[in-house]
Amino acid sequence: MKKGLLLIFCLALLFLAACTSGTSSNSSKSNSSKNTLYKVRDYKYDEDYYEFVNDIRYGFMNKKGEVVINYQFDYVGEFSEGLAVVYIGDKYGFINESGEYVINPQYDYAEKFTDGLAAVQLNGKYGYINKKGEYVINPQFDNAYPFSEGLAAVSVGDKFGFIDKDGTYTINPQFEYVGQFSEGLAWVELSERIGYIDKTGKYVINPQFDSPYYMDYGNLDFRDGIALVMVKDTFGFIDHKGQYVINPQFEWANPFTDGLASVSVGGKYGFINKEGSFVINPQFDWAGSFSDGLAVVADWDIEAYGYINKKGDYVLNPSEKQYVWADNFQNGLAYAIFDDENEGYIDKDGNVVYNYLTEMTYIGRYGY
């Protein structure tokens, strides 16, 4: 391998950093823009010293792999409600799908727009702005998460509560950690126990589940009437009343998406339906969630990732494509690292739509 695993991991980490919007541990469904745009980047890499020698610049491409917003930003978030967070210099702002500034860079930090508002930070305090850049809720919080179902989680000191779009507390700060409202309920953590509250702050499901601190807390949100919970290091699923629909029995589990959830038994991953029956038997060394009708799976023996359909059949076989890292498909494209020389976006047939490394300039020790 010419540049080795060091480059692979650096590229993967950089891509993940660019895809992550904010410090919130919450996970929410993104509001896709009308014309889907994807993050792209450009940089120089020193082959002799194994280091990046200039600031990476980000832009956006369309589904055809055409760069439509040139590389010019230090960071970009995903488009949500027609706008994307961008970072340049040391400030955050927002652009539209034409790459034009709608809100000039002026904030110390910014979240994406949800429910018409975005959380922004200035001088250490968070508030919320509208799409004109006007403060709807003045900066006053120590942390603030995106709105969901009309409410947003905010913190004062080390306690979280919820506010409405007027900035009024509907649930006073009292929880150690919280999720977003989904299907009328939000998970909350108190004394390392997870429970679920309604929009009045009343417990609908009392705190009784363990806190999977090593998991994306967004995985605990309700989806399609079911939520993932952990009890004594095993995972199961509950309904809105807190009753088990699938008893805790799995070593690991992901939330339901497209009617299926990946779970681990005996060190192997498969997929179950909402009755808890295996639709795809445990056979993979690792498996993600279904998105766009496909799911990422891994074969550790050959250190490769691939994709399966809902029948469990390979659509892109690891033994053939040998992606060394792969992400979910979104609107027909997925990010993948092909080998230590190439990484970018692929379509569902495995065709490379965009190759990052064709855009990367390699230089030697003497600058050429």
Protein backbone atom coordinates (compact mmCIF):
# COMPACT_ATOMS: atom_id res chain seq x y z
CA MET A 1 0.00 0.00 0.00
CA LYS A 2 1.55 3.24 -1.13
CA LYS A 3 0.35 5.54 1.63
CA GLY A 4 -1.03 3.02 4.04
CA LEU A 5 -3.78 2.97 6.58
CA LEU A 6 -2.73 6.29 8.07
CA LEU A 7 -4.14 8.16 5.11
CA ILE A 8 -7.31 6.06 5.10
CA PHE A 9 -8.10 6.82 8.72
CA CYS A 10 -7.26 10.50 8.31
CA LEU A 11 -9.63 10.78 5.38
CA ALA A 12 -12.42 8.93 7.17
CA LEU A 13 -12.08 11.11 10.24
CA LEU A 14 -12.10 14.26 8.16
CA PHE A 15 -15.20 13.18 6.30
CA LEU A 16 -17.01 12.27 9.51
CA ALA A 17 -16.10 15.61 11.04
CA ALA A 18 -17.51 17.41 8.03
CA CYS A 19 -20.72 15.39 8.14
CA THR A 20 -21.32 16.03 11.84
CA SER A 21 -23.38 19.09 12.59
CA GLY A 22 -22.79 20.37 16.07
CA THR A 23 -21.93 19.06 19.46
CA SER A 24 -25.39 17.72 20.18
CA SER A 25 -25.62 14.00 20.81
CA ASN A 26 -29.15 14.05 19.45
CA SER A 27 -29.93 12.52 16.12
CA SER A 28 -32.70 13.84 13.88
CA LYS A 29 -33.98 13.16 10.43
CA SER A 30 -32.50 15.68 8.06
CA ASN A 31 -34.78 17.78 5.92
CA SER A 32 -33.42 17.12 2.47
CA SER A 33 -33.20 20.03 0.09
CA LYS A 34 -35.18 19.94 -3.12
CA ASN A 35 -32.01 19.42 -5.13
CA THR A 36 -29.84 17.13 -3.06
CA LEU A 37 -26.29 18.35 -2.64
CA TYR A 38 -23.34 16.42 -1.19
CA LYS A 39 -20.21 17.63 0.60
CA VAL A 40 -16.93 17.53 -1.32
CA ARG A 41 -13.43 18.67 -0.40
CA ASP A 42 -10.03 19.53 -1.83
CA TYR A 43 -6.59 19.58 -0.20
CA LYS A 44 -2.90 18.90 -0.68
CA TYR A 45 -1.11 15.94 0.87
CA ASP A 46 2.62 15.46 1.34
CA GLU A 47 3.53 11.92 0.32
CA ASP A 48 6.91 12.01 2.02
CA TYR A 49 5.84 13.35 5.39
CA TYR A 50 2.33 11.86 5.46
CA GLU A 51 0.69 15.13 6.38
CA PHE A 52 -1.73 17.65 4.97
CA VAL A 53 0.07 20.82 3.95
CA ASN A 54 -2.79 23.23 3.35
CA ASP A 55 -6.17 23.98 4.79
CA ILE A 56 -8.84 21.66 3.44
CA ARG A 57 -11.60 23.43 1.55
CA TYR A 58 -15.16 22.17 1.28
CA GLY A 59 -17.89 22.68 -1.29
CA PHE A 60 -20.87 20.78 -2.67
CA MET A 61 -21.58 18.55 -5.65
CA ASN A 62 -24.86 17.43 -7.19
CA LYS A 63 -25.98 13.85 -7.71
CA LYS A 64 -24.08 13.69 -11.00
CA GLY A 65 -20.80 14.38 -9.25
CA GLU A 66 -20.57 17.92 -10.61
CA VAL A 67 -19.17 20.52 -8.20
CA VAL A 68 -21.85 23.21 -8.05
CA ILE A 69 -20.57 25.18 -5.05
CA ASN A 70 -16.82 25.59 -5.28
CA TYR A 71 -14.31 24.61 -2.61
CA GLN A 72 -14.14 27.70 -0.42
CA PHE A 73 -15.23 26.81 3.12
CA ASP A 74 -13.31 25.46 6.10
CA TYR A 75 -16.32 23.34 7.08
CA VAL A 76 -19.80 22.65 5.75
CA GLY A 77 -22.85 21.02 7.28
CA GLU A 78 -25.70 19.32 5.49
CA PHE A 79 -28.46 21.25 3.78
CA SER A 80 -31.59 21.47 5.89
CA GLU A 81 -34.68 23.47 4.98
CA GLY A 82 -32.81 24.94 2.01
CA LEU A 83 -29.81 26.27 3.95
CA ALA A 84 -26.46 24.83 5.02
CA VAL A 85 -24.16 25.80 7.86
CA VAL A 86 -20.73 26.89 6.64
CA TYR A 87 -17.60 27.79 8.57
CA ILE A 88 -14.95 30.13 7.25
CA GLY A 89 -12.18 31.85 9.15
CA ASP A 90 -13.48 31.49 12.67
CA LYS A 91 -17.18 32.19 12.15
CA TYR A 92 -20.31 30.28 11.11
CA GLY A 93 -22.95 31.43 8.65
CA PHE A 94 -25.51 29.98 6.22
CA ILE A 95 -25.66 29.62 2.44
CA ASN A 96 -28.42 28.65 0.02
CA GLU A 97 -28.19 26.01 -2.70
CA SER A 98 -26.66 28.52 -5.09
CA GLY A 99 -23.76 29.01 -2.69
CA GLU A 100 -24.87 32.54 -1.78
CA TYR A 101 -24.70 33.80 1.77
CA VAL A 102 -28.16 34.17 3.23
CA ILE A 103 -26.74 34.83 6.70
CA ASN A 104 -23.16 36.07 6.78
CA PRO A 105 -20.56 34.30 8.96
CA GLN A 106 -20.80 35.95 12.37
CA TYR A 107 -21.45 33.22 14.95
CA ASP A 108 -19.04 31.25 17.09
CA TYR A 109 -21.08 28.14 16.37
CA ALA A 110 -24.30 27.24 14.53
CA GLU A 111 -26.64 24.26 14.22
CA LYS A 112 -28.73 23.44 11.14
CA PHE A 113 -32.24 24.84 10.65
CA THR A 114 -35.16 22.76 11.90
CA ASP A 115 -38.73 23.94 12.30
CA GLY A 116 -37.62 27.26 10.78
CA LEU A 117 -35.11 28.09 13.50
CA ALA A 118 -31.40 27.46 14.10
CA ALA A 119 -29.44 27.45 17.33
CA VAL A 120 -26.40 29.74 17.23
CA GLN A 121 -23.72 30.61 19.75
CA LEU A 122 -22.23 34.03 20.33
CA ASN A 123 -19.95 35.04 23.19
CA GLY A 124 -20.52 31.75 24.98
CA LYS A 125 -24.32 31.79 24.95
CA TYR A 126 -26.85 30.11 22.66
CA GLY A 127 -29.98 31.57 21.12
CA TYR A 128 -32.13 30.92 18.05
CA ILE A 129 -32.40 32.81 14.76
CA ASN A 130 -34.82 32.71 11.84
CA LYS A 131 -33.80 32.43 8.19
CA LYS A 132 -33.28 36.18 7.99
CA GLY A 133 -30.64 35.96 10.68
CA GLU A 134 -32.87 37.71 13.20
CA TYR A 135 -32.87 36.57 16.80
CA VAL A 136 -36.19 35.00 17.71
CA ILE A 137 -34.83 33.80 21.05
CA ASN A 138 -31.94 35.84 22.43
CA PRO A 139 -28.66 34.17 23.45
CA GLN A 140 -29.04 33.02 27.06
CA PHE A 141 -28.41 29.25 27.19
CA ASP A 142 -25.25 27.30 27.89
CA ASN A 143 -26.20 24.74 25.25
CA ALA A 144 -29.02 24.43 22.74
CA TYR A 145 -30.19 21.69 20.42
CA PRO A 146 -32.33 21.83 17.26
CA PHE A 147 -36.11 22.12 17.47
CA SER A 148 -38.17 18.98 16.99
CA GLU A 149 -41.97 18.80 17.16
CA GLY A 150 -42.08 22.42 18.32
CA LEU A 151 -39.72 22.08 21.29
CA ALA A 152 -35.96 22.33 21.75
CA ALA A 153 -33.68 21.06 24.49
CA VAL A 154 -31.56 23.71 26.18
CA SER A 155 -29.31 23.76 29.21
CA VAL A 156 -28.53 26.26 31.92
CA GLY A 157 -25.61 25.12 33.97
CA ASP A 158 -25.54 21.34 33.90
CA LYS A 159 -29.29 20.72 33.64
CA PHE A 160 -31.46 20.37 30.54
CA GLY A 161 -35.05 21.40 29.93
CA PHE A 162 -37.22 22.28 26.93
CA ILE A 163 -38.43 25.57 25.45
CA ASP A 164 -41.04 26.48 22.84
CA LYS A 165 -40.49 28.79 19.87
CA ASP A 166 -41.15 31.83 22.04
CA GLY A 167 -38.26 30.84 24.26
CA THR A 168 -40.57 29.97 27.13
CA TYR A 169 -39.76 26.96 29.28
CA THR A 170 -42.38 24.27 28.87
CA ILE A 171 -40.23 21.86 30.88
CA ASN A 172 -37.85 23.39 33.40
CA PRO A 173 -34.15 22.38 33.42
CA GLN A 174 -33.84 19.31 35.62
CA PHE A 175 -32.33 16.47 33.56
CA GLU A 176 -28.71 15.41 33.12
CA TYR A 177 -29.12 14.53 29.44
CA VAL A 178 -32.04 14.57 27.04
CA GLY A 179 -33.02 13.53 23.54
CA GLN A 180 -35.29 15.26 21.08
CA PHE A 181 -39.04 14.85 20.92
CA SER A 182 -40.08 12.14 18.52
CA GLU A 183 -43.62 10.77 18.25
CA GLY A 184 -44.60 12.98 21.17
CA LEU A 185 -42.02 11.60 23.60
CA ALA A 186 -38.43 12.43 24.53
CA TRP A 187 -35.97 10.31 26.45
CA VAL A 188 -34.38 11.90 29.51
CA GLU A 189 -31.62 10.75 31.81
CA LEU A 190 -31.57 11.24 35.56
CA SER A 191 -29.17 9.46 37.92
CA GLU A 192 -27.94 7.33 35.00
CA ARG A 193 -31.42 5.96 34.31
CA ILE A 194 -33.35 6.51 31.09
CA GLY A 195 -37.08 7.25 30.95
CA TYR A 196 -39.46 9.04 28.57
CA ILE A 197 -41.51 12.21 29.11
CA ASP A 198 -44.35 13.86 27.21
CA LYS A 199 -44.44 17.53 26.21
CA THR A 200 -45.71 18.59 29.62
CA GLY A 201 -42.66 17.03 31.27
CA LYS A 202 -44.66 14.18 32.77
CA TYR A 203 -43.08 10.74 32.83
CA VAL A 204 -44.94 8.41 30.49
CA ILE A 205 -42.28 5.74 30.95
CA ASN A 206 -40.48 5.92 34.29
CA PRO A 207 -36.66 5.97 34.40
CA GLN A 208 -35.69 2.30 34.44
CA PHE A 209 -33.35 1.65 31.52
CA ASP A 210 -29.58 1.75 31.47
CA SER A 211 -27.69 4.53 29.77
CA PRO A 212 -25.69 3.31 26.74
CA TYR A 213 -23.16 6.11 27.05
CA TYR A 214 -21.06 4.65 24.22
CA MET A 215 -23.94 4.90 21.73
CA ASP A 216 -25.33 7.81 19.74
CA TYR A 217 -28.10 8.91 22.06
CA GLY A 218 -30.28 9.66 19.03
CA ASN A 219 -30.68 5.89 18.73
CA LEU A 220 -32.98 5.99 21.77
CA ASP A 221 -35.63 8.12 20.04
CA PHE A 222 -38.97 6.56 19.13
CA ARG A 223 -39.26 5.52 15.50
CA ASP A 224 -42.31 3.86 13.98
CA GLY A 225 -43.81 3.39 17.45
CA ILE A 226 -40.76 1.57 18.86
CA ALA A 227 -37.71 2.68 20.84
CA LEU A 228 -34.42 0.91 21.52
CA VAL A 229 -33.49 0.41 25.19
CA MET A 230 -30.69 -1.24 27.12
CA VAL A 231 -31.01 -3.35 30.27
CA LYS A 232 -27.93 -4.91 31.87
CA ASP A 233 -25.87 -4.74 28.67
CA THR A 234 -28.59 -6.32 26.51
CA PHE A 235 -30.79 -4.50 24.04
CA GLY A 236 -34.52 -4.74 23.38
CA PHE A 237 -37.41 -2.58 22.17
CA ILE A 238 -40.39 -0.94 23.88
CA ASP A 239 -43.66 0.69 22.79
CA HIS A 240 -45.07 4.06 23.85
CA LYS A 241 -46.32 2.58 27.10
CA GLY A 242 -42.93 1.20 28.03
CA GLN A 243 -43.99 -2.37 27.39
CA TYR A 244 -41.49 -4.68 25.76
CA VAL A 245 -42.39 -5.54 22.20
CA ILE A 246 -39.05 -7.34 21.85
CA ASN A 247 -37.42 -8.46 25.10
CA PRO A 248 -33.80 -7.46 25.86
CA GLN A 249 -31.70 -10.26 24.41
CA PHE A 250 -29.25 -8.79 21.92
CA GLU A 251 -25.59 -7.97 22.40
CA TRP A 252 -26.03 -4.89 20.24
CA ALA A 253 -28.88 -3.35 18.29
CA ASN A 254 -29.63 -0.41 16.05
CA PRO A 255 -32.99 1.39 15.77
CA PHE A 256 -35.61 0.25 13.29
CA THR A 257 -35.40 1.81 9.86
CA ASP A 258 -37.46 0.72 6.87
CA GLY A 259 -39.14 -1.85 9.13
CA LEU A 260 -35.96 -3.72 10.06
CA ALA A 261 -33.32 -3.44 12.78
CA SER A 262 -29.81 -4.88 12.84
CA VAL A 263 -28.99 -6.86 15.98
CA SER A 264 -26.07 -8.93 17.20
CA VAL A 265 -26.28 -12.47 18.59
CA GLY A 266 -23.24 -14.65 19.23
CA GLY A 267 -20.97 -12.07 17.70
CA LYS A 268 -22.83 -12.04 14.36
CA TYR A 269 -25.25 -9.46 12.98
CA GLY A 270 -28.58 -10.05 11.31
CA PHE A 271 -31.87 -8.21 10.90
CA ILE A 272 -35.18 -8.61 12.73
CA ASN A 273 -38.69 -7.39 12.03
CA LYS A 274 -40.93 -5.69 14.58
CA GLU A 275 -42.09 -9.05 15.88
CA GLY A 276 -38.52 -9.85 16.82
CA SER A 277 -38.17 -12.57 14.19
CA PHE A 278 -35.04 -12.79 12.09
CA VAL A 279 -35.69 -11.78 8.49
CA ILE A 280 -31.98 -11.94 7.68
CA ASN A 281 -30.14 -14.48 9.85
CA PRO A 282 -27.07 -13.45 11.85
CA GLN A 283 -24.14 -13.94 9.51
CA PHE A 284 -22.29 -10.65 9.21
CA ASP A 285 -19.37 -9.44 11.29
CA TRP A 286 -21.05 -6.04 11.52
CA ALA A 287 -24.18 -4.44 10.07
CA GLY A 288 -25.59 -0.93 10.00
CA SER A 289 -29.14 0.24 9.39
CA PHE A 290 -31.18 0.17 6.20
CA SER A 291 -31.28 3.39 4.23
CA ASP A 292 -32.47 3.81 0.67
CA GLY A 293 -33.30 0.08 0.69
CA LEU A 294 -29.72 -1.03 1.37
CA ALA A 295 -27.66 -1.68 4.50
CA VAL A 296 -23.90 -1.63 5.06
CA VAL A 297 -22.35 -4.89 6.27
CA ALA A 298 -18.77 -5.91 7.00
CA ASP A 299 -16.56 -8.96 6.55
CA TRP A 300 -13.63 -8.69 8.96
CA ASP A 301 -11.75 -11.62 7.41
CA ILE A 302 -11.07 -9.58 4.29
CA GLU A 303 -11.41 -6.23 6.09
CA ALA A 304 -14.07 -5.02 3.69
CA TYR A 305 -17.55 -3.51 3.63
CA GLY A 306 -20.41 -4.15 1.24
CA TYR A 307 -24.17 -3.63 0.87
CA ILE A 308 -27.16 -5.97 1.08
CA ASN A 309 -30.84 -5.62 0.17
CA LYS A 310 -33.78 -6.54 2.40
CA LYS A 311 -33.58 -10.15 1.29
CA GLY A 312 -30.07 -10.36 2.66
CA ASP A 313 -28.59 -10.67 -0.80
CA TYR A 314 -25.41 -8.82 -1.63
CA VAL A 315 -25.91 -5.91 -3.98
CA LEU A 316 -22.28 -4.85 -3.61
CA ASN A 317 -20.23 -7.80 -2.36
CA PRO A 318 -17.28 -7.06 -0.04
CA SER A 319 -15.22 -9.78 -1.73
CA GLU A 320 -15.62 -7.99 -5.07
CA LYS A 321 -15.64 -4.28 -4.21
CA GLN A 322 -13.64 -4.46 -0.98
CA TYR A 323 -14.57 -1.06 0.39
CA VAL A 324 -12.41 -0.49 3.42
CA TRP A 325 -15.06 1.81 4.89
CA ALA A 326 -18.60 2.62 3.82
CA ASP A 327 -21.50 4.82 4.89
CA ASN A 328 -25.27 4.63 4.37
CA PHE A 329 -26.87 5.46 1.05
CA GLN A 330 -28.74 8.75 0.99
CA ASN A 331 -30.79 9.74 -2.03
CA GLY A 332 -29.00 7.20 -4.21
CA LEU A 333 -25.37 7.88 -3.27
CA ALA A 334 -23.07 6.68 -0.50
CA TYR A 335 -19.62 7.73 0.70
CA ALA A 336 -17.02 4.97 0.70
CA ILE A 337 -13.26 4.50 0.96
CA PHE A 338 -12.37 2.15 -1.87
CA ASP A 339 -8.73 1.49 -0.96
CA ASP A 340 -5.74 3.45 0.31
CA GLU A 341 -5.65 5.33 -2.99
CA ASN A 342 -9.27 6.21 -3.65
CA GLU A 343 -12.42 7.30 -1.81
CA GLY A 344 -15.56 9.21 -2.68
CA TYR A 345 -19.21 8.67 -3.63
CA ILE A 346 -20.71 5.62 -5.30
CA ASP A 347 -24.15 4.83 -6.72
CA LYS A 348 -26.13 1.66 -6.01
CA ASP A 349 -24.41 -0.16 -8.85
CA GLY A 350 -21.03 0.56 -7.32
CA ASN A 351 -20.11 3.10 -9.97
CA VAL A 352 -17.84 5.88 -8.75
CA VAL A 353 -19.69 9.17 -9.12
CA TYR A 354 -17.00 11.28 -7.49
CA ASN A 355 -13.45 10.42 -6.42
CA TYR A 356 -11.98 12.74 -3.79
CA LEU A 357 -8.41 11.77 -4.51
CA THR A 358 -8.62 12.92 -8.11
CA GLU A 359 -9.13 16.35 -6.58
CA MET A 360 -6.28 15.99 -4.06
CA THR A 361 -2.89 17.36 -5.02
CA TYR A 362 0.04 15.19 -3.96
CA ILE A 363 3.39 16.84 -3.40
CA GLY A 364 6.83 15.54 -2.53
CA ARG A 365 9.44 16.67 -0.05
CA TYR A 366 10.64 19.50 -2.27
CA GLY A 367 7.16 20.79 -3.15
CA TYR A 368 6.60 18.91 -6.41
